[in-house]
Protein backbone atom coordinates (compact mmCIF):
# COMPACT_ATOMS: atom_id res chain seq x y z
CA VAL A 1 -0.04 -0.51 0.05
CA GLU A 2 1.22 3.72 -0.80
CA LEU A 3 -0.05 7.14 -0.05
CA TRP A 4 0.90 9.86 -1.78
CA THR A 5 0.91 13.08 -0.42
CA GLU A 6 0.29 15.55 -3.18
CA ALA A 7 1.34 18.53 -0.85
CA ASP A 8 5.07 17.53 -0.47
CA SER A 9 5.66 15.11 -2.66
CA SER A 10 6.39 12.92 0.29
CA THR A 11 5.14 9.04 0.02
CA GLN A 12 4.28 6.28 2.48
CA ASN A 13 4.75 2.47 2.07
CA GLU A 14 3.39 0.34 4.04
CA SER A 15 2.44 -3.94 3.83
CA VAL A 16 -0.69 -5.98 4.18
CA ASN A 17 -0.73 -9.31 4.52
CA VAL A 18 -4.01 -11.23 3.45
CA THR A 19 -4.09 -14.43 5.51
CA GLY A 20 -7.68 -15.59 4.29
CA LEU A 21 -11.13 -15.09 3.18
CA ARG A 22 -13.84 -13.89 5.56
CA THR A 23 -16.50 -15.79 5.46
CA PRO A 24 -19.54 -13.81 6.72
CA SER A 25 -22.44 -15.68 8.57
CA GLY A 26 -25.81 -16.28 6.94
CA THR A 27 -27.56 -18.76 4.99
CA VAL A 28 -25.82 -19.25 1.25
CA VAL A 29 -28.23 -19.43 -0.96
CA ALA A 30 -25.41 -19.79 -4.03
CA ASP A 31 -22.00 -18.59 -4.21
CA PHE A 32 -21.49 -19.63 -7.92
CA GLU A 33 -18.81 -21.31 -7.52
CA ASN A 34 -20.34 -24.55 -9.49
CA ILE A 35 -23.78 -25.19 -10.48
CA HIS A 36 -26.23 -26.25 -8.32
CA PRO A 37 -28.17 -30.26 -9.73
CA ASP A 38 -31.26 -28.74 -8.03
CA TRP A 39 -31.31 -25.61 -9.65
CA ASN A 40 -33.42 -25.04 -12.55
CA VAL A 41 -31.56 -22.62 -15.32
CA PHE A 42 -33.26 -21.58 -18.28
CA ALA A 43 -31.81 -19.54 -21.16
CA GLN A 44 -33.82 -17.87 -24.38
CA SER A 45 -32.54 -19.41 -27.54
CA GLY A 46 -31.48 -15.74 -28.13
CA ALA A 47 -28.26 -14.24 -29.83
CA ASN A 48 -25.11 -13.77 -27.50
CA MET A 49 -26.01 -15.77 -24.71
CA SER A 50 -24.07 -15.82 -22.37
CA PHE A 51 -26.22 -17.66 -19.10
CA ARG A 52 -22.93 -19.31 -17.52
CA LEU A 53 -20.68 -19.21 -14.76
CA ALA A 54 -17.57 -17.01 -15.78
CA SER A 55 -13.98 -16.11 -13.91
CA ASP A 56 -12.30 -12.81 -14.03
CA GLU A 57 -10.54 -10.53 -11.95
CA THR A 58 -13.16 -8.30 -10.36
CA VAL A 59 -15.03 -11.39 -8.76
CA PRO A 60 -15.95 -9.62 -5.43
CA GLN A 61 -16.54 -13.22 -3.76
CA GLY A 62 -14.67 -16.80 -4.47
CA SER A 63 -13.59 -17.49 -7.79
CA ARG A 64 -16.52 -17.33 -10.00
CA TYR A 65 -19.68 -15.00 -10.77
CA PHE A 66 -23.10 -16.25 -12.72
CA ASP A 67 -23.23 -14.08 -15.93
CA MET A 68 -26.65 -13.37 -17.43
CA GLY A 69 -26.72 -11.77 -21.03
CA GLY A 70 -27.99 -12.21 -24.48
CA GLU A 71 -30.21 -10.45 -26.90
CA VAL A 72 -34.17 -11.61 -27.25
CA ASN A 73 -36.10 -9.42 -29.46
CA TRP A 74 -39.54 -11.68 -28.97
CA ASP A 75 -40.08 -11.28 -25.03
CA TRP A 76 -39.51 -9.67 -21.63
CA LEU A 77 -37.32 -12.45 -20.56
CA ILE A 78 -33.63 -13.30 -21.21
CA GLY A 79 -33.20 -16.49 -18.85
CA LEU A 80 -34.46 -17.56 -15.20
CA ILE A 81 -32.72 -19.59 -12.49
CA ASP A 82 -35.26 -21.17 -9.54
CA PHE A 83 -33.21 -21.83 -6.24
CA PRO A 84 -35.39 -24.61 -4.39
CA ALA A 85 -35.06 -24.72 -1.18
CA LYS A 86 -33.76 -28.21 -1.15
CA SER A 87 -30.79 -27.33 -2.76
CA VAL A 88 -29.36 -25.40 0.55
CA SER A 89 -30.43 -28.40 2.85
CA PRO A 90 -32.59 -31.33 3.44
CA THR A 91 -34.50 -28.98 5.48
CA GLY A 92 -34.66 -26.14 3.63
CA PHE A 93 -33.95 -22.66 3.79
CA ASN A 94 -33.89 -22.83 7.74
CA LEU A 95 -34.86 -18.97 7.75
CA SER A 96 -35.94 -17.28 10.69
CA SER A 97 -39.75 -16.45 11.22
CA ASN A 98 -39.81 -12.51 11.70
CA PRO A 99 -39.54 -11.11 8.21
CA THR A 100 -38.30 -7.93 9.69
CA ASP A 101 -34.74 -9.05 10.91
CA LEU A 102 -34.28 -11.26 7.88
CA TYR A 103 -32.47 -9.31 4.84
CA PHE A 104 -32.15 -11.04 1.22
CA ASN A 105 -28.24 -10.03 -0.27
CA VAL A 106 -26.88 -10.51 -3.97
CA ALA A 107 -23.91 -8.78 -5.67
CA LEU A 108 -24.85 -7.13 -8.91
CA PHE A 109 -22.61 -5.70 -11.71
CA ARG A 110 -24.14 -4.08 -14.20
CA PRO A 111 -21.33 -2.92 -17.60
CA ASP A 112 -20.92 0.79 -18.14
CA THR A 113 -22.90 0.96 -21.50
CA ILE A 114 -25.60 -1.58 -20.59
CA THR A 115 -28.46 0.35 -18.79
CA ASN A 116 -31.64 -1.68 -20.72
CA GLY A 117 -31.81 -4.31 -18.18
CA VAL A 118 -34.11 -5.35 -15.29
CA VAL A 119 -33.46 -8.35 -12.41
CA LEU A 120 -36.45 -9.35 -10.83
CA PHE A 121 -36.14 -11.93 -7.70
CA GLN A 122 -39.35 -13.93 -6.75
CA PHE A 123 -39.83 -15.75 -3.34
CA ARG A 124 -42.66 -18.84 -3.02
CA GLU A 125 -43.82 -19.34 0.02
CA ASP A 126 -45.13 -23.07 0.80
CA GLU A 127 -47.67 -21.89 3.56
CA ASN A 128 -49.52 -25.06 4.07
CA ASP A 129 -46.20 -27.18 4.23
CA ASP A 130 -47.30 -29.67 2.05
CA GLY A 131 -44.38 -29.26 -0.28
CA ASN A 132 -45.86 -27.36 -3.51
CA PHE A 133 -46.54 -24.08 -3.90
CA ASN A 134 -49.73 -22.76 -5.46
CA GLU A 135 -49.85 -19.95 -7.25
CA ALA A 136 -53.56 -19.75 -6.64
CA ASN A 137 -53.73 -19.19 -2.92
CA GLU A 138 -50.04 -18.93 -1.59
CA ASP A 139 -47.97 -16.14 -1.21
CA MET A 140 -45.22 -14.86 -4.01
CA TYR A 141 -42.95 -11.92 -2.95
CA SER A 142 -40.91 -10.08 -5.64
CA VAL A 143 -38.46 -7.38 -5.75
CA GLU A 144 -37.62 -5.56 -9.03
CA LEU A 145 -34.48 -3.98 -9.59
CA GLN A 146 -33.06 -1.72 -13.04
CA GLY A 147 -31.29 1.44 -12.65
CA LEU A 148 -28.77 0.22 -11.03
CA ASP A 149 -25.12 1.81 -10.80
CA ALA A 150 -22.25 0.60 -12.67
CA GLY A 151 -19.80 -2.06 -11.76
CA TRP A 152 -20.09 -4.13 -8.20
CA GLN A 153 -22.54 -3.67 -5.82
CA ILE A 154 -24.45 -5.43 -2.92
CA VAL A 155 -27.96 -4.79 -3.36
CA SER A 156 -29.65 -5.86 0.02
CA ILE A 157 -33.52 -5.80 0.76
CA LYS A 158 -35.33 -6.45 4.22
CA TYR A 159 -37.87 -9.68 3.86
CA SER A 160 -40.98 -7.71 5.08
CA ASP A 161 -40.04 -4.76 2.30
CA LEU A 162 -40.94 -7.54 -0.49
CA VAL A 163 -44.17 -7.02 -2.01
CA ALA A 164 -46.72 -9.15 -4.50
CA LEU A 165 -46.03 -7.75 -8.38
CA GLU A 166 -48.37 -9.04 -11.34
CA ASN A 167 -46.62 -7.15 -14.46
CA GLY A 168 -44.13 -5.31 -12.08
CA GLN A 169 -46.89 -3.52 -10.77
CA PRO A 170 -48.12 -3.88 -6.56
CA THR A 171 -50.94 -6.19 -6.13
CA THR A 172 -52.77 -8.03 -3.63
CA PRO A 173 -50.48 -11.76 -2.20
CA LYS A 174 -52.80 -14.48 -3.00
CA GLY A 175 -51.76 -16.63 -0.38
CA ASN A 176 -52.37 -15.21 3.78
CA GLY A 177 -50.55 -11.90 3.01
CA GLN A 178 -48.13 -11.95 5.93
CA HIS A 179 -44.41 -12.14 5.20
CA ASN A 180 -43.16 -16.02 6.33
CA PRO A 181 -39.71 -16.56 5.21
CA ASP A 182 -39.77 -19.47 7.50
CA LYS A 183 -42.27 -20.85 4.55
CA LEU A 184 -39.71 -20.13 1.99
CA SER A 185 -39.63 -22.79 -0.45
CA MET A 186 -38.49 -21.25 -3.47
CA VAL A 187 -35.98 -18.08 -4.57
CA SER A 188 -36.21 -17.58 -8.40
CA CYS A 189 -34.41 -15.05 -10.66
CA LEU A 190 -35.05 -13.88 -13.79
CA PHE A 191 -32.97 -11.36 -15.76
CA LEU A 192 -35.18 -9.32 -18.21
CA ALA A 193 -34.81 -6.53 -20.96
CA ASN A 194 -37.54 -5.10 -23.38
CA PRO A 195 -37.32 -7.10 -26.66
CA ALA A 196 -36.60 -3.60 -28.48
CA SER A 197 -34.10 -2.57 -26.87
CA GLY A 198 -30.79 -5.34 -28.20
CA TYR A 199 -28.38 -6.84 -26.13
CA SER A 200 -28.54 -6.68 -22.11
CA GLN A 201 -26.05 -8.27 -19.59
CA MET A 202 -25.99 -8.49 -15.77
CA LEU A 203 -23.38 -10.27 -13.50
CA MET A 204 -24.60 -12.01 -10.28
CA ASP A 205 -22.89 -13.60 -7.55
CA TYR A 206 -22.95 -14.48 -3.22
CA MET A 207 -26.86 -14.64 -2.76
CA ILE A 208 -27.24 -14.90 0.92
CA PHE A 209 -29.58 -14.34 3.90
CA THR A 210 -28.25 -12.62 7.13
CA THR A 211 -30.36 -11.45 10.02
CA ASP A 212 -29.73 -8.40 12.35
CA GLY A 213 -28.89 -6.55 8.79
CA PRO A 214 -27.29 -6.26 5.18
CA LEU A 215 -24.80 -8.17 4.15
CA LYS A 216 -20.71 -6.44 4.59
CA LEU A 217 -18.12 -8.14 2.13
């Protein structure tokens, strides 16, 4: 580490030794070091598709991230990934029942020249514990992210701030209308762009639930 002082042109030097990687506490949904066999990964057959794991020197955690990119001129959907609770552990996500203390966190990267991407996260709750989500009478909450700053950033959302959406607009939940993170059965990530807007891309890494505060890497 070097510090230059412009006023007197002096320089100070110090050495910093990195002894290991910090492991934040929480429930990791995906670190994208590999593709879990229980994930459902779907990509359209568009142009310049790159719905895959990738790696470079900018990766914020571990050695890989997920590259969501492509041009689909007939549909808003470029691709999606479903993360079922069983991919985290045999007993599911094992989250707290308190939605006001629980945060959903994910690292996202928007390239400088890309402004048309939309990332939609969906959270399906199995309220009757029958092992299935019924969209007709169980709650699905969402958060839609667009207009992000360029570069890597941590996005953190308090679970109790999630809303039910229909075509991007708030709507009434179809279940009990209560946020029940302990009933969460599936997290989904949909990458979208206006089909008339051309190529779009977003990178994603380290999806984790934390309690008592958002993720700090």
